N, C-alpha and C. Protein backbone atom coordinates (compact mmCIF):
# COMPACT_ATOMS: atom_id res chain seq x y z
N MET A 1 0.85 -1.18 0.00
CA MET A 1 0.00 0.00 0.00
C MET A 1 0.89 1.24 0.00
N ALA A 2 0.63 2.14 -0.91
CA ALA A 2 1.44 3.35 -1.04
C ALA A 2 0.87 4.46 -0.16
N ALA A 3 1.75 5.24 0.40
CA ALA A 3 1.34 6.41 1.17
C ALA A 3 1.62 7.65 0.33
N HIS A 4 0.69 8.57 0.35
CA HIS A 4 0.84 9.82 -0.39
C HIS A 4 0.88 10.97 0.61
N VAL A 5 1.69 11.97 0.29
CA VAL A 5 1.85 13.14 1.15
C VAL A 5 1.34 14.36 0.40
N GLY A 6 0.51 15.13 1.07
CA GLY A 6 0.02 16.38 0.50
C GLY A 6 0.57 17.55 1.29
N VAL A 7 1.08 18.54 0.57
CA VAL A 7 1.63 19.73 1.22
C VAL A 7 0.95 20.96 0.62
N LEU A 8 0.47 21.80 1.48
CA LEU A 8 -0.19 23.04 1.09
C LEU A 8 0.61 24.18 1.70
N THR A 9 1.05 25.11 0.86
CA THR A 9 1.75 26.30 1.34
C THR A 9 0.81 27.48 1.15
N ILE A 10 0.54 28.18 2.22
CA ILE A 10 -0.45 29.26 2.23
C ILE A 10 0.22 30.59 2.56
N GLU A 11 0.01 31.58 1.70
CA GLU A 11 0.49 32.94 1.95
C GLU A 11 -0.66 33.75 2.51
N LEU A 12 -0.42 34.41 3.64
CA LEU A 12 -1.47 35.18 4.31
C LEU A 12 -1.05 36.63 4.52
N ALA A 13 -2.04 37.51 4.53
CA ALA A 13 -1.84 38.90 4.93
C ALA A 13 -2.66 39.12 6.20
N LEU A 14 -2.03 39.73 7.19
CA LEU A 14 -2.70 40.03 8.46
C LEU A 14 -2.72 41.54 8.61
N TYR A 15 -3.65 42.19 7.92
CA TYR A 15 -3.67 43.64 7.84
C TYR A 15 -3.94 44.32 9.18
N GLU A 16 -4.61 43.65 10.08
CA GLU A 16 -4.97 44.27 11.36
C GLU A 16 -3.94 44.02 12.45
N ALA A 17 -2.87 43.29 12.15
CA ALA A 17 -1.85 43.00 13.16
C ALA A 17 -0.99 44.24 13.39
N ALA A 18 -1.09 44.79 14.60
CA ALA A 18 -0.31 45.98 14.95
C ALA A 18 1.06 45.62 15.51
N SER A 19 1.25 44.35 15.84
CA SER A 19 2.53 43.90 16.40
C SER A 19 2.72 42.42 16.07
N LEU A 20 3.93 41.94 16.32
CA LEU A 20 4.18 40.51 16.14
C LEU A 20 3.35 39.69 17.12
N LYS A 21 3.08 40.25 18.29
CA LYS A 21 2.25 39.56 19.27
C LYS A 21 0.83 39.36 18.72
N ASP A 22 0.27 40.37 18.06
CA ASP A 22 -1.04 40.23 17.41
C ASP A 22 -1.00 39.14 16.35
N LYS A 23 0.05 39.16 15.55
CA LYS A 23 0.19 38.17 14.49
C LYS A 23 0.24 36.76 15.08
N ARG A 24 1.04 36.55 16.10
CA ARG A 24 1.18 35.23 16.71
C ARG A 24 -0.15 34.74 17.27
N ARG A 25 -0.94 35.66 17.87
CA ARG A 25 -2.24 35.29 18.43
C ARG A 25 -3.18 34.79 17.34
N VAL A 26 -3.25 35.51 16.22
CA VAL A 26 -4.11 35.12 15.10
C VAL A 26 -3.64 33.79 14.51
N LEU A 27 -2.34 33.66 14.30
CA LEU A 27 -1.81 32.42 13.70
C LEU A 27 -1.99 31.22 14.61
N LYS A 28 -1.79 31.40 15.91
CA LYS A 28 -1.97 30.28 16.83
C LYS A 28 -3.41 29.76 16.77
N SER A 29 -4.36 30.67 16.77
CA SER A 29 -5.76 30.27 16.67
C SER A 29 -6.04 29.54 15.36
N LEU A 30 -5.56 30.10 14.26
CA LEU A 30 -5.78 29.49 12.95
C LEU A 30 -5.13 28.11 12.87
N LYS A 31 -3.89 27.99 13.31
CA LYS A 31 -3.19 26.70 13.26
C LYS A 31 -3.89 25.66 14.13
N ASP A 32 -4.31 26.04 15.32
CA ASP A 32 -5.01 25.10 16.21
C ASP A 32 -6.32 24.61 15.60
N ARG A 33 -7.08 25.54 14.99
CA ARG A 33 -8.35 25.14 14.36
C ARG A 33 -8.11 24.23 13.16
N MET A 34 -7.07 24.50 12.38
CA MET A 34 -6.77 23.66 11.21
C MET A 34 -6.32 22.27 11.65
N ARG A 35 -5.51 22.21 12.70
CA ARG A 35 -5.08 20.89 13.21
C ARG A 35 -6.28 20.07 13.65
N ALA A 36 -7.19 20.70 14.35
CA ALA A 36 -8.37 19.99 14.85
C ALA A 36 -9.32 19.61 13.71
N GLN A 37 -9.54 20.51 12.79
CA GLN A 37 -10.51 20.28 11.70
C GLN A 37 -10.02 19.24 10.70
N PHE A 38 -8.72 19.28 10.36
CA PHE A 38 -8.21 18.46 9.26
C PHE A 38 -7.22 17.38 9.70
N ASN A 39 -6.93 17.28 10.99
CA ASN A 39 -5.95 16.31 11.48
C ASN A 39 -4.66 16.42 10.68
N ALA A 40 -4.16 17.65 10.57
CA ALA A 40 -2.99 17.94 9.74
C ALA A 40 -1.89 18.58 10.58
N ALA A 41 -0.67 18.48 10.09
CA ALA A 41 0.44 19.21 10.70
C ALA A 41 0.45 20.61 10.07
N VAL A 42 0.54 21.64 10.92
CA VAL A 42 0.52 23.02 10.44
C VAL A 42 1.65 23.77 11.13
N ALA A 43 2.44 24.52 10.33
CA ALA A 43 3.55 25.28 10.89
C ALA A 43 3.76 26.56 10.10
N GLU A 44 4.22 27.59 10.79
CA GLU A 44 4.64 28.82 10.12
C GLU A 44 6.04 28.57 9.58
N VAL A 45 6.23 28.76 8.28
CA VAL A 45 7.50 28.38 7.66
C VAL A 45 8.27 29.55 7.05
N ASP A 46 7.67 30.73 6.98
CA ASP A 46 8.38 31.88 6.41
C ASP A 46 7.72 33.16 6.91
N ASN A 47 8.40 34.25 6.75
CA ASN A 47 7.92 35.58 7.16
C ASN A 47 7.66 35.67 8.66
N GLN A 48 8.44 34.96 9.47
CA GLN A 48 8.23 34.97 10.91
C GLN A 48 8.38 36.36 11.52
N ASP A 49 9.25 37.19 10.97
CA ASP A 49 9.50 38.51 11.54
C ASP A 49 8.72 39.62 10.84
N ALA A 50 7.92 39.29 9.86
CA ALA A 50 7.09 40.28 9.18
C ALA A 50 5.76 40.39 9.92
N ARG A 51 5.40 41.58 10.31
CA ARG A 51 4.23 41.79 11.16
C ARG A 51 2.91 41.47 10.46
N GLN A 52 2.80 41.76 9.18
CA GLN A 52 1.51 41.59 8.50
C GLN A 52 1.53 40.54 7.40
N ARG A 53 2.53 39.70 7.38
CA ARG A 53 2.63 38.60 6.39
C ARG A 53 2.93 37.31 7.13
N ALA A 54 2.43 36.21 6.58
CA ALA A 54 2.72 34.89 7.15
C ALA A 54 2.66 33.85 6.05
N THR A 55 3.48 32.82 6.20
CA THR A 55 3.45 31.68 5.31
C THR A 55 3.29 30.43 6.17
N LEU A 56 2.22 29.70 5.93
CA LEU A 56 1.96 28.46 6.66
C LEU A 56 2.13 27.28 5.72
N ALA A 57 2.60 26.16 6.26
CA ALA A 57 2.64 24.90 5.53
C ALA A 57 1.72 23.93 6.26
N VAL A 58 0.92 23.23 5.47
CA VAL A 58 -0.01 22.23 5.99
C VAL A 58 0.37 20.90 5.34
N ALA A 59 0.55 19.86 6.15
CA ALA A 59 0.95 18.55 5.62
C ALA A 59 -0.05 17.49 6.07
N MET A 60 -0.40 16.61 5.11
CA MET A 60 -1.32 15.50 5.37
C MET A 60 -0.80 14.25 4.69
N VAL A 61 -1.15 13.10 5.24
CA VAL A 61 -0.76 11.81 4.67
C VAL A 61 -2.01 10.96 4.48
N SER A 62 -2.09 10.27 3.34
CA SER A 62 -3.24 9.41 3.07
C SER A 62 -2.85 8.34 2.06
N ALA A 63 -3.59 7.26 2.03
CA ALA A 63 -3.38 6.22 1.03
C ALA A 63 -4.01 6.60 -0.31
N ASP A 64 -4.94 7.56 -0.28
CA ASP A 64 -5.68 7.96 -1.48
C ASP A 64 -5.34 9.40 -1.87
N PRO A 65 -4.71 9.61 -3.02
CA PRO A 65 -4.35 10.98 -3.41
C PRO A 65 -5.57 11.87 -3.65
N ARG A 66 -6.69 11.30 -4.09
CA ARG A 66 -7.91 12.10 -4.28
C ARG A 66 -8.40 12.65 -2.95
N HIS A 67 -8.28 11.85 -1.91
CA HIS A 67 -8.65 12.27 -0.56
C HIS A 67 -7.79 13.47 -0.14
N LEU A 68 -6.50 13.40 -0.43
CA LEU A 68 -5.60 14.50 -0.09
C LEU A 68 -5.98 15.78 -0.84
N HIS A 69 -6.20 15.67 -2.14
CA HIS A 69 -6.59 16.85 -2.92
C HIS A 69 -7.85 17.48 -2.34
N SER A 70 -8.82 16.65 -2.01
CA SER A 70 -10.08 17.15 -1.47
C SER A 70 -9.87 17.86 -0.14
N HIS A 71 -9.11 17.24 0.77
CA HIS A 71 -8.89 17.85 2.08
C HIS A 71 -8.04 19.12 1.98
N LEU A 72 -7.07 19.14 1.09
CA LEU A 72 -6.27 20.35 0.93
C LEU A 72 -7.11 21.49 0.36
N ASP A 73 -8.02 21.17 -0.56
CA ASP A 73 -8.93 22.19 -1.10
C ASP A 73 -9.86 22.71 0.02
N GLN A 74 -10.32 21.81 0.88
CA GLN A 74 -11.16 22.23 2.00
C GLN A 74 -10.38 23.12 2.96
N ALA A 75 -9.10 22.83 3.15
CA ALA A 75 -8.26 23.66 4.01
C ALA A 75 -8.12 25.07 3.43
N VAL A 76 -7.97 25.19 2.13
CA VAL A 76 -7.90 26.50 1.48
C VAL A 76 -9.21 27.25 1.70
N ASP A 77 -10.33 26.58 1.51
CA ASP A 77 -11.63 27.22 1.72
C ASP A 77 -11.80 27.65 3.18
N PHE A 78 -11.31 26.85 4.10
CA PHE A 78 -11.37 27.17 5.52
C PHE A 78 -10.60 28.45 5.81
N VAL A 79 -9.40 28.57 5.25
CA VAL A 79 -8.58 29.77 5.47
C VAL A 79 -9.27 31.00 4.86
N ARG A 80 -9.88 30.82 3.69
CA ARG A 80 -10.59 31.94 3.05
C ARG A 80 -11.69 32.52 3.93
N THR A 81 -12.34 31.67 4.72
CA THR A 81 -13.48 32.11 5.52
C THR A 81 -13.12 32.48 6.95
N CYS A 82 -11.90 32.25 7.36
CA CYS A 82 -11.53 32.56 8.74
C CYS A 82 -11.27 34.05 8.90
N GLY A 83 -11.46 34.53 10.09
CA GLY A 83 -11.22 35.95 10.36
C GLY A 83 -9.79 36.20 10.77
N GLY A 84 -9.37 37.44 10.61
CA GLY A 84 -8.05 37.85 11.07
C GLY A 84 -6.95 37.76 10.05
N ALA A 85 -7.11 36.92 9.03
CA ALA A 85 -6.08 36.76 8.01
C ALA A 85 -6.74 36.65 6.64
N SER A 86 -6.10 37.24 5.65
CA SER A 86 -6.60 37.18 4.28
C SER A 86 -5.69 36.29 3.44
N LEU A 87 -6.28 35.42 2.66
CA LEU A 87 -5.52 34.53 1.79
C LEU A 87 -4.97 35.33 0.61
N VAL A 88 -3.65 35.31 0.45
CA VAL A 88 -2.99 36.00 -0.66
C VAL A 88 -2.74 35.02 -1.80
N GLY A 89 -2.34 33.80 -1.46
CA GLY A 89 -2.07 32.79 -2.47
C GLY A 89 -1.75 31.46 -1.81
N TYR A 90 -1.70 30.41 -2.63
CA TYR A 90 -1.36 29.09 -2.10
C TYR A 90 -0.81 28.21 -3.20
N GLU A 91 -0.08 27.18 -2.78
CA GLU A 91 0.43 26.13 -3.67
C GLU A 91 0.08 24.79 -3.04
N LYS A 92 -0.37 23.87 -3.88
CA LYS A 92 -0.75 22.54 -3.41
C LYS A 92 0.08 21.52 -4.17
N GLU A 93 0.61 20.55 -3.43
CA GLU A 93 1.40 19.50 -4.05
C GLU A 93 1.08 18.17 -3.37
N VAL A 94 0.81 17.15 -4.18
CA VAL A 94 0.57 15.81 -3.65
C VAL A 94 1.59 14.89 -4.27
N LEU A 95 2.34 14.22 -3.43
CA LEU A 95 3.40 13.31 -3.89
C LEU A 95 3.01 11.86 -3.64
């Protein structure tokens, strides 16, 4: 049985973040909700010192690549509807 890995890289803008502390609060909430909703690994991977920008990586593993594509698309939709951060762009890759 083959295992497939899906990786989603999400670029976010946090226009209302007045400090890095504000940014961390918004990202912590978003990451926690994504972990719970999608059973995925979520981490901030770039722009750590930029107050109003963030890059998150979301990783999932499944035996079915269609399942991964579906869940990664749902994760993008979830980010689009969450408050505090605006989706700027994303890249999806399933290996």
